[in-house]
Amino acid sequence: MFPQASNSSTTSLPEHELHAMMVYNFIKHFKWPNEKEEFVIGVMGDDKVFNALNTWYGDRMRMGKKVKVVKFPYLTDLSTCNILYLGSDAIGFFESVRNKIADRPTLFVTAGAGLGEKGSSINFRNDENKLKFELNQKAIDRANLKVSVRLTSLAILV
């Protein structure tokens, strides 16, 4: 059995594991315009999130597609990503990465204060020791993605 994100507000899991679980579970709440046989989750700047995603979900099937987890070096070609997670230690590259994927169908997930308002699709944040996420509908629309009402109802809209 592989970890699944839950709606529980209390957990003893480390934050990087929660991020990995939530990123993986976002797959079922979004629709991409150009469906491919392989689903690519890219990670920049966070080895712990990458290792958790790759160990738990790499080469597994999700929504009828094989999940591939890829560690991307900074400012490389990101055109193959369905989801791109930018870790907190790579936040300095936020604007460059955002501009690079601006017109691509890529769900851009971040973990940094104010990044949801600056253009990431989803941004993790801690409120009163609870992990929550912001959802930027304009960024999602710009990426030509469709998001489920259920996920939208759970998010902090920015």
N, C-alpha and C. Protein backbone atom coordinates (compact mmCIF):
# COMPACT_ATOMS: atom_id res chain seq x y z
N MET A 1 0.85 -1.18 0.00
CA MET A 1 0.00 0.00 0.00
C MET A 1 0.89 1.24 0.00
N PHE A 2 0.53 2.23 -0.82
CA PHE A 2 1.29 3.45 -0.92
C PHE A 2 0.56 4.55 -0.19
N PRO A 3 1.28 5.47 0.41
CA PRO A 3 0.64 6.55 1.16
C PRO A 3 -0.31 7.36 0.28
N GLN A 4 -1.40 7.77 0.86
CA GLN A 4 -2.37 8.64 0.21
C GLN A 4 -2.56 9.85 1.09
N ALA A 5 -2.76 11.00 0.49
CA ALA A 5 -3.02 12.20 1.27
C ALA A 5 -4.41 12.10 1.88
N SER A 6 -4.58 12.66 3.03
CA SER A 6 -5.89 12.63 3.68
C SER A 6 -6.31 14.04 4.00
N ASN A 7 -7.55 14.19 4.39
CA ASN A 7 -8.06 15.49 4.77
C ASN A 7 -7.82 15.78 6.24
N SER A 8 -7.12 14.92 6.91
CA SER A 8 -6.86 15.09 8.33
C SER A 8 -6.00 16.31 8.59
N SER A 9 -6.35 17.06 9.62
CA SER A 9 -5.59 18.27 9.93
C SER A 9 -4.41 17.96 10.85
N THR A 10 -4.35 16.77 11.38
CA THR A 10 -3.24 16.42 12.25
C THR A 10 -2.55 15.18 11.69
N THR A 11 -1.26 15.22 11.66
CA THR A 11 -0.49 14.08 11.16
C THR A 11 0.90 14.15 11.74
N SER A 12 1.56 13.01 11.77
CA SER A 12 2.92 12.99 12.28
C SER A 12 3.93 12.82 11.15
N LEU A 13 3.47 12.87 9.91
CA LEU A 13 4.38 12.73 8.78
C LEU A 13 5.19 14.00 8.57
N PRO A 14 6.44 13.85 8.12
CA PRO A 14 7.24 15.04 7.79
C PRO A 14 6.62 15.79 6.62
N GLU A 15 6.86 17.09 6.57
CA GLU A 15 6.26 17.94 5.54
C GLU A 15 6.58 17.47 4.13
N HIS A 16 7.81 17.04 3.87
CA HIS A 16 8.16 16.62 2.51
C HIS A 16 7.34 15.40 2.07
N GLU A 17 7.00 14.52 3.00
CA GLU A 17 6.16 13.37 2.66
C GLU A 17 4.73 13.80 2.37
N LEU A 18 4.23 14.76 3.13
CA LEU A 18 2.89 15.30 2.86
C LEU A 18 2.84 15.97 1.49
N HIS A 19 3.88 16.74 1.16
CA HIS A 19 3.94 17.38 -0.16
C HIS A 19 3.93 16.32 -1.25
N ALA A 20 4.73 15.28 -1.09
CA ALA A 20 4.79 14.21 -2.10
C ALA A 20 3.43 13.54 -2.27
N MET A 21 2.77 13.22 -1.18
CA MET A 21 1.45 12.58 -1.27
C MET A 21 0.44 13.48 -1.96
N MET A 22 0.45 14.74 -1.60
CA MET A 22 -0.52 15.66 -2.20
C MET A 22 -0.24 15.89 -3.68
N VAL A 23 1.01 16.06 -4.05
CA VAL A 23 1.36 16.23 -5.46
C VAL A 23 0.86 15.03 -6.26
N TYR A 24 1.11 13.85 -5.78
CA TYR A 24 0.65 12.64 -6.47
C TYR A 24 -0.87 12.61 -6.57
N ASN A 25 -1.56 12.97 -5.52
CA ASN A 25 -3.01 12.94 -5.53
C ASN A 25 -3.64 14.04 -6.37
N PHE A 26 -2.88 15.09 -6.67
CA PHE A 26 -3.41 16.13 -7.56
C PHE A 26 -3.73 15.55 -8.95
N ILE A 27 -3.06 14.48 -9.34
CA ILE A 27 -3.27 13.89 -10.66
C ILE A 27 -4.75 13.62 -10.91
N LYS A 28 -5.44 13.09 -9.91
CA LYS A 28 -6.85 12.73 -10.13
C LYS A 28 -7.79 13.93 -10.12
N HIS A 29 -7.30 15.09 -9.77
CA HIS A 29 -8.16 16.28 -9.70
C HIS A 29 -7.97 17.26 -10.86
N PHE A 30 -7.10 16.91 -11.81
CA PHE A 30 -6.85 17.78 -12.95
C PHE A 30 -6.99 17.01 -14.25
N LYS A 31 -7.32 17.74 -15.29
CA LYS A 31 -7.37 17.18 -16.64
C LYS A 31 -6.42 18.01 -17.50
N TRP A 32 -5.53 17.31 -18.19
CA TRP A 32 -4.56 17.94 -19.08
C TRP A 32 -5.07 17.85 -20.51
N PRO A 33 -4.77 18.86 -21.34
CA PRO A 33 -5.31 18.87 -22.71
C PRO A 33 -4.70 17.81 -23.62
N ASN A 34 -3.46 17.52 -23.47
CA ASN A 34 -2.79 16.54 -24.34
C ASN A 34 -2.42 15.31 -23.54
N GLU A 35 -3.37 14.42 -23.41
CA GLU A 35 -3.14 13.21 -22.63
C GLU A 35 -2.10 12.33 -23.32
N LYS A 36 -1.15 11.86 -22.56
CA LYS A 36 -0.09 10.98 -23.06
C LYS A 36 -0.14 9.67 -22.28
N GLU A 37 0.60 8.69 -22.74
CA GLU A 37 0.65 7.40 -22.06
C GLU A 37 1.40 7.47 -20.75
N GLU A 38 2.32 8.42 -20.65
CA GLU A 38 3.16 8.55 -19.47
C GLU A 38 2.84 9.88 -18.78
N PHE A 39 2.84 9.86 -17.47
CA PHE A 39 2.56 11.06 -16.69
C PHE A 39 3.85 11.45 -15.96
N VAL A 40 4.36 12.66 -16.22
CA VAL A 40 5.66 13.07 -15.68
C VAL A 40 5.47 14.09 -14.56
N ILE A 41 6.01 13.73 -13.39
CA ILE A 41 6.09 14.65 -12.26
C ILE A 41 7.55 15.07 -12.15
N GLY A 42 7.80 16.35 -12.36
CA GLY A 42 9.15 16.87 -12.27
C GLY A 42 9.37 17.54 -10.93
N VAL A 43 10.57 17.43 -10.42
CA VAL A 43 10.93 18.06 -9.15
C VAL A 43 12.21 18.84 -9.37
N MET A 44 12.18 20.09 -8.90
CA MET A 44 13.38 20.91 -8.91
C MET A 44 13.66 21.35 -7.48
N GLY A 45 14.87 21.09 -7.02
CA GLY A 45 15.33 21.68 -5.78
C GLY A 45 14.93 21.04 -4.48
N ASP A 46 14.31 19.91 -4.45
CA ASP A 46 13.97 19.29 -3.17
C ASP A 46 14.16 17.79 -3.26
N ASP A 47 15.33 17.34 -2.80
CA ASP A 47 15.66 15.92 -2.89
C ASP A 47 14.72 15.04 -2.06
N LYS A 48 14.28 15.54 -0.91
CA LYS A 48 13.40 14.73 -0.05
C LYS A 48 12.06 14.48 -0.72
N VAL A 49 11.47 15.51 -1.33
CA VAL A 49 10.20 15.33 -2.04
C VAL A 49 10.41 14.41 -3.24
N PHE A 50 11.48 14.64 -3.99
CA PHE A 50 11.78 13.78 -5.13
C PHE A 50 11.91 12.32 -4.70
N ASN A 51 12.70 12.06 -3.65
CA ASN A 51 12.91 10.69 -3.20
C ASN A 51 11.62 10.04 -2.74
N ALA A 52 10.77 10.78 -2.02
CA ALA A 52 9.50 10.22 -1.58
C ALA A 52 8.60 9.91 -2.78
N LEU A 53 8.47 10.85 -3.70
CA LEU A 53 7.65 10.62 -4.89
C LEU A 53 8.15 9.42 -5.69
N ASN A 54 9.45 9.39 -5.93
CA ASN A 54 10.03 8.33 -6.74
C ASN A 54 9.91 6.96 -6.07
N THR A 55 10.16 6.90 -4.77
CA THR A 55 10.09 5.64 -4.04
C THR A 55 8.66 5.12 -3.98
N TRP A 56 7.73 6.00 -3.64
CA TRP A 56 6.35 5.56 -3.45
C TRP A 56 5.58 5.40 -4.75
N TYR A 57 5.81 6.27 -5.72
CA TYR A 57 4.92 6.33 -6.88
C TYR A 57 5.60 6.17 -8.24
N GLY A 58 6.92 6.25 -8.31
CA GLY A 58 7.61 6.13 -9.59
C GLY A 58 7.32 4.81 -10.25
N ASP A 59 7.02 4.85 -11.53
CA ASP A 59 6.72 3.68 -12.36
C ASP A 59 5.44 2.95 -11.93
N ARG A 60 4.58 3.60 -11.21
CA ARG A 60 3.28 3.04 -10.84
C ARG A 60 2.23 3.55 -11.83
N MET A 61 1.10 2.93 -11.83
CA MET A 61 0.01 3.37 -12.69
C MET A 61 -0.94 4.27 -11.90
N ARG A 62 -1.38 5.34 -12.53
CA ARG A 62 -2.35 6.26 -11.91
C ARG A 62 -3.24 6.78 -13.03
N MET A 63 -4.52 6.62 -12.88
CA MET A 63 -5.49 7.08 -13.87
C MET A 63 -5.16 6.52 -15.25
N GLY A 64 -4.69 5.27 -15.29
CA GLY A 64 -4.39 4.59 -16.54
C GLY A 64 -3.08 4.97 -17.19
N LYS A 65 -2.24 5.70 -16.48
CA LYS A 65 -0.97 6.14 -17.04
C LYS A 65 0.18 5.76 -16.11
N LYS A 66 1.32 5.48 -16.71
CA LYS A 66 2.51 5.19 -15.93
C LYS A 66 3.07 6.51 -15.40
N VAL A 67 3.35 6.58 -14.11
CA VAL A 67 3.90 7.78 -13.49
C VAL A 67 5.42 7.70 -13.51
N LYS A 68 6.02 8.75 -14.04
CA LYS A 68 7.47 8.86 -14.07
C LYS A 68 7.84 10.09 -13.25
N VAL A 69 8.75 9.93 -12.30
CA VAL A 69 9.21 11.03 -11.46
C VAL A 69 10.63 11.38 -11.90
N VAL A 70 10.83 12.67 -12.22
CA VAL A 70 12.11 13.12 -12.79
C VAL A 70 12.66 14.27 -11.96
N LYS A 71 13.92 14.18 -11.62
CA LYS A 71 14.62 15.28 -10.94
C LYS A 71 15.22 16.15 -12.03
N PHE A 72 14.76 17.40 -12.11
CA PHE A 72 15.23 18.32 -13.14
C PHE A 72 16.29 19.25 -12.58
N PRO A 73 17.38 19.45 -13.34
CA PRO A 73 18.33 20.49 -12.96
C PRO A 73 17.68 21.85 -13.23
N TYR A 74 18.22 22.87 -12.65
CA TYR A 74 17.65 24.20 -12.79
C TYR A 74 17.64 24.66 -14.24
N LEU A 75 16.50 25.21 -14.64
CA LEU A 75 16.30 25.84 -15.94
C LEU A 75 16.64 24.95 -17.12
N THR A 76 16.26 23.72 -17.01
CA THR A 76 16.39 22.78 -18.11
C THR A 76 15.09 22.79 -18.91
N ASP A 77 15.00 21.97 -19.93
CA ASP A 77 13.77 21.85 -20.71
C ASP A 77 12.72 21.15 -19.86
N LEU A 78 11.65 21.85 -19.59
CA LEU A 78 10.60 21.33 -18.71
C LEU A 78 9.35 20.93 -19.49
N SER A 79 9.44 20.84 -20.79
CA SER A 79 8.26 20.63 -21.63
C SER A 79 7.61 19.27 -21.42
N THR A 80 8.30 18.33 -20.83
CA THR A 80 7.72 17.00 -20.65
C THR A 80 6.90 16.88 -19.36
N CYS A 81 6.95 17.88 -18.48
CA CYS A 81 6.28 17.80 -17.18
C CYS A 81 4.78 18.02 -17.27
N ASN A 82 4.03 17.15 -16.61
CA ASN A 82 2.62 17.40 -16.36
C ASN A 82 2.47 18.21 -15.07
N ILE A 83 3.28 17.83 -14.08
CA ILE A 83 3.34 18.55 -12.81
C ILE A 83 4.80 18.89 -12.56
N LEU A 84 5.03 20.13 -12.12
CA LEU A 84 6.38 20.53 -11.73
C LEU A 84 6.32 21.05 -10.30
N TYR A 85 7.07 20.40 -9.42
CA TYR A 85 7.17 20.83 -8.02
C TYR A 85 8.49 21.58 -7.86
N LEU A 86 8.38 22.84 -7.42
CA LEU A 86 9.56 23.66 -7.16
C LEU A 86 9.76 23.73 -5.65
N GLY A 87 10.79 23.07 -5.16
CA GLY A 87 11.05 23.01 -3.73
C GLY A 87 11.51 24.33 -3.16
N SER A 88 11.40 24.44 -1.85
CA SER A 88 11.71 25.69 -1.16
C SER A 88 13.17 26.13 -1.36
N ASP A 89 14.08 25.19 -1.57
CA ASP A 89 15.47 25.57 -1.77
C ASP A 89 15.76 26.00 -3.21
N ALA A 90 14.72 26.02 -4.08
CA ALA A 90 14.88 26.48 -5.45
C ALA A 90 14.01 27.70 -5.74
N ILE A 91 13.47 28.32 -4.69
CA ILE A 91 12.55 29.44 -4.85
C ILE A 91 13.20 30.61 -5.61
N GLY A 92 14.50 30.75 -5.51
CA GLY A 92 15.19 31.81 -6.25
C GLY A 92 15.01 31.70 -7.76
N PHE A 93 14.62 30.54 -8.24
CA PHE A 93 14.40 30.31 -9.67
C PHE A 93 12.92 30.43 -10.05
N PHE A 94 12.08 30.84 -9.10
CA PHE A 94 10.64 30.86 -9.32
C PHE A 94 10.23 31.59 -10.60
N GLU A 95 10.64 32.84 -10.75
CA GLU A 95 10.22 33.63 -11.91
C GLU A 95 10.71 33.04 -13.22
N SER A 96 11.94 32.58 -13.25
CA SER A 96 12.48 31.97 -14.47
C SER A 96 11.71 30.71 -14.84
N VAL A 97 11.42 29.89 -13.85
CA VAL A 97 10.67 28.65 -14.11
C VAL A 97 9.24 28.99 -14.53
N ARG A 98 8.60 29.90 -13.83
CA ARG A 98 7.22 30.29 -14.17
C ARG A 98 7.16 30.79 -15.61
N ASN A 99 8.11 31.61 -16.01
CA ASN A 99 8.12 32.13 -17.37
C ASN A 99 8.39 31.04 -18.40
N LYS A 100 9.21 30.08 -18.02
CA LYS A 100 9.56 28.99 -18.94
C LYS A 100 8.38 28.07 -19.23
N ILE A 101 7.50 27.89 -18.26
CA ILE A 101 6.36 26.99 -18.45
C ILE A 101 5.04 27.74 -18.63
N ALA A 102 5.10 29.04 -18.79
CA ALA A 102 3.92 29.90 -18.80
C ALA A 102 2.82 29.43 -19.75
N ASP A 103 3.14 29.00 -20.93
CA ASP A 103 2.13 28.61 -21.91
C ASP A 103 2.05 27.10 -22.11
N ARG A 104 2.52 26.38 -21.15
CA ARG A 104 2.50 24.91 -21.24
C ARG A 104 1.46 24.34 -20.30
N PRO A 105 0.93 23.18 -20.63
CA PRO A 105 -0.05 22.53 -19.74
C PRO A 105 0.65 21.83 -18.57
N THR A 106 1.24 22.63 -17.71
CA THR A 106 1.99 22.13 -16.56
C THR A 106 1.39 22.67 -15.28
N LEU A 107 1.05 21.79 -14.37
CA LEU A 107 0.59 22.19 -13.05
C LEU A 107 1.83 22.58 -12.25
N PHE A 108 1.95 23.84 -11.90
CA PHE A 108 3.13 24.37 -11.22
C PHE A 108 2.84 24.43 -9.73
N VAL A 109 3.53 23.59 -8.96
CA VAL A 109 3.31 23.47 -7.52
C VAL A 109 4.54 23.99 -6.79
N THR A 110 4.29 24.86 -5.80
CA THR A 110 5.38 25.47 -5.05
C THR A 110 5.13 25.36 -3.55
N ALA A 111 6.15 25.75 -2.79
CA ALA A 111 6.05 25.77 -1.33
C ALA A 111 6.80 26.99 -0.82
N GLY A 112 6.21 28.14 -0.99
CA GLY A 112 6.86 29.37 -0.55
C GLY A 112 5.85 30.48 -0.33
N ALA A 113 6.08 31.29 0.66
CA ALA A 113 5.15 32.37 1.01
C ALA A 113 4.89 33.28 -0.18
N GLY A 114 3.61 33.47 -0.50
CA GLY A 114 3.18 34.39 -1.53
C GLY A 114 3.30 33.91 -2.96
N LEU A 115 3.76 32.68 -3.19
CA LEU A 115 3.99 32.22 -4.56
C LEU A 115 2.69 31.89 -5.30
N GLY A 116 1.63 31.57 -4.57
CA GLY A 116 0.35 31.37 -5.23
C GLY A 116 -0.12 32.64 -5.91
N GLU A 117 0.03 33.75 -5.23
CA GLU A 117 -0.37 35.04 -5.79
C GLU A 117 0.56 35.49 -6.91
N LYS A 118 1.79 34.98 -6.91
CA LYS A 118 2.76 35.37 -7.93
C LYS A 118 2.69 34.51 -9.18
N GLY A 119 1.83 33.47 -9.18
CA GLY A 119 1.65 32.73 -10.42
C GLY A 119 1.82 31.23 -10.39
N SER A 120 2.10 30.63 -9.24
CA SER A 120 2.11 29.17 -9.25
C SER A 120 0.65 28.69 -9.24
N SER A 121 0.43 27.49 -9.76
CA SER A 121 -0.93 26.94 -9.81
C SER A 121 -1.41 26.59 -8.41
N ILE A 122 -0.53 25.91 -7.68
CA ILE A 122 -0.82 25.50 -6.31
C ILE A 122 0.40 25.82 -5.46
N ASN A 123 0.15 26.37 -4.29
CA ASN A 123 1.23 26.71 -3.38
C ASN A 123 0.89 26.17 -1.99
N PHE A 124 1.80 25.37 -1.44
CA PHE A 124 1.62 24.86 -0.08
C PHE A 124 1.97 25.94 0.93
N ARG A 125 1.23 25.95 2.03
CA ARG A 125 1.56 26.86 3.12
C ARG A 125 1.09 26.25 4.43
N ASN A 126 1.73 26.71 5.51
CA ASN A 126 1.36 26.26 6.85
C ASN A 126 0.57 27.36 7.53
N ASP A 127 -0.60 27.01 8.03
CA ASP A 127 -1.42 27.91 8.83
C ASP A 127 -1.69 27.22 10.16
N GLU A 128 -1.18 27.83 11.23
CA GLU A 128 -1.39 27.28 12.56
C GLU A 128 -1.00 25.80 12.63
N ASN A 129 0.19 25.49 12.09
CA ASN A 129 0.75 24.13 12.07
C ASN A 129 -0.09 23.14 11.29
N LYS A 130 -0.88 23.61 10.33
CA LYS A 130 -1.65 22.74 9.45
C LYS A 130 -1.23 23.04 8.02
N LEU A 131 -0.96 21.97 7.27
CA LEU A 131 -0.60 22.14 5.88
C LEU A 131 -1.86 22.43 5.07
N LYS A 132 -1.83 23.53 4.34
CA LYS A 132 -2.93 23.92 3.46
C LYS A 132 -2.35 24.26 2.10
N PHE A 133 -3.23 24.47 1.13
CA PHE A 133 -2.73 24.85 -0.18
C PHE A 133 -3.59 25.94 -0.79
N GLU A 134 -2.88 26.83 -1.50
CA GLU A 134 -3.52 27.90 -2.25
C GLU A 134 -3.71 27.42 -3.68
N LEU A 135 -4.77 27.88 -4.32
CA LEU A 135 -5.03 27.53 -5.71
C LEU A 135 -5.24 28.83 -6.49
N ASN A 136 -4.45 29.00 -7.54
CA ASN A 136 -4.52 30.19 -8.38
C ASN A 136 -5.23 29.79 -9.68
N GLN A 137 -6.52 30.10 -9.77
CA GLN A 137 -7.32 29.69 -10.93
C GLN A 137 -6.81 30.33 -12.22
N LYS A 138 -6.32 31.57 -12.16
CA LYS A 138 -5.80 32.22 -13.36
C LYS A 138 -4.60 31.46 -13.91
N ALA A 139 -3.71 31.01 -13.03
CA ALA A 139 -2.54 30.25 -13.47
C ALA A 139 -2.97 28.90 -14.06
N ILE A 140 -3.97 28.29 -13.48
CA ILE A 140 -4.48 27.01 -13.98
C ILE A 140 -5.11 27.21 -15.36
N ASP A 141 -5.89 28.26 -15.52
CA ASP A 141 -6.50 28.56 -16.81
C ASP A 141 -5.43 28.85 -17.86
N ARG A 142 -4.41 29.60 -17.48
CA ARG A 142 -3.31 29.94 -18.39
C ARG A 142 -2.59 28.67 -18.88
N ALA A 143 -2.53 27.67 -18.02
CA ALA A 143 -1.89 26.40 -18.38
C ALA A 143 -2.83 25.47 -19.14
N ASN A 144 -4.07 25.93 -19.36
CA ASN A 144 -5.07 25.16 -20.08
C ASN A 144 -5.41 23.84 -19.37
N LEU A 145 -5.48 23.91 -18.03
CA LEU A 145 -5.83 22.75 -17.22
C LEU A 145 -7.25 22.92 -16.69
N LYS A 146 -7.88 21.81 -16.41
CA LYS A 146 -9.20 21.81 -15.79
C LYS A 146 -9.06 21.18 -14.40
N VAL A 147 -9.60 21.86 -13.39
CA VAL A 147 -9.48 21.40 -12.01
C VAL A 147 -10.85 20.98 -11.51
N SER A 148 -10.88 19.97 -10.65
CA SER A 148 -12.14 19.49 -10.10
C SER A 148 -12.70 20.47 -9.08
N VAL A 149 -14.01 20.52 -9.01
CA VAL A 149 -14.69 21.36 -8.03
C VAL A 149 -14.32 20.92 -6.62
N ARG A 150 -14.16 19.63 -6.43
CA ARG A 150 -13.82 19.12 -5.10
C ARG A 150 -12.50 19.69 -4.59
N LEU A 151 -11.49 19.69 -5.45
CA LEU A 151 -10.20 20.24 -5.03
C LEU A 151 -10.30 21.74 -4.81
N THR A 152 -11.00 22.41 -5.67
CA THR A 152 -11.18 23.86 -5.53
C THR A 152 -11.84 24.20 -4.19
N SER A 153 -12.79 23.36 -3.79
CA SER A 153 -13.50 23.62 -2.53
C SER A 153 -12.62 23.43 -1.30
N LEU A 154 -11.53 22.68 -1.43
CA LEU A 154 -10.61 22.43 -0.33
C LEU A 154 -9.50 23.47 -0.26
N ALA A 155 -9.34 24.26 -1.30
CA ALA A 155 -8.21 25.17 -1.44
C ALA A 155 -8.52 26.55 -0.87
N ILE A 156 -7.44 27.29 -0.65
CA ILE A 156 -7.51 28.72 -0.36
C ILE A 156 -7.34 29.39 -1.72
N LEU A 157 -8.36 30.07 -2.21
CA LEU A 157 -8.30 30.66 -3.54
C LEU A 157 -7.56 31.99 -3.47
N VAL A 158 -6.59 32.15 -4.39
CA VAL A 158 -5.81 33.40 -4.46
C VAL A 158 -5.96 34.01 -5.84
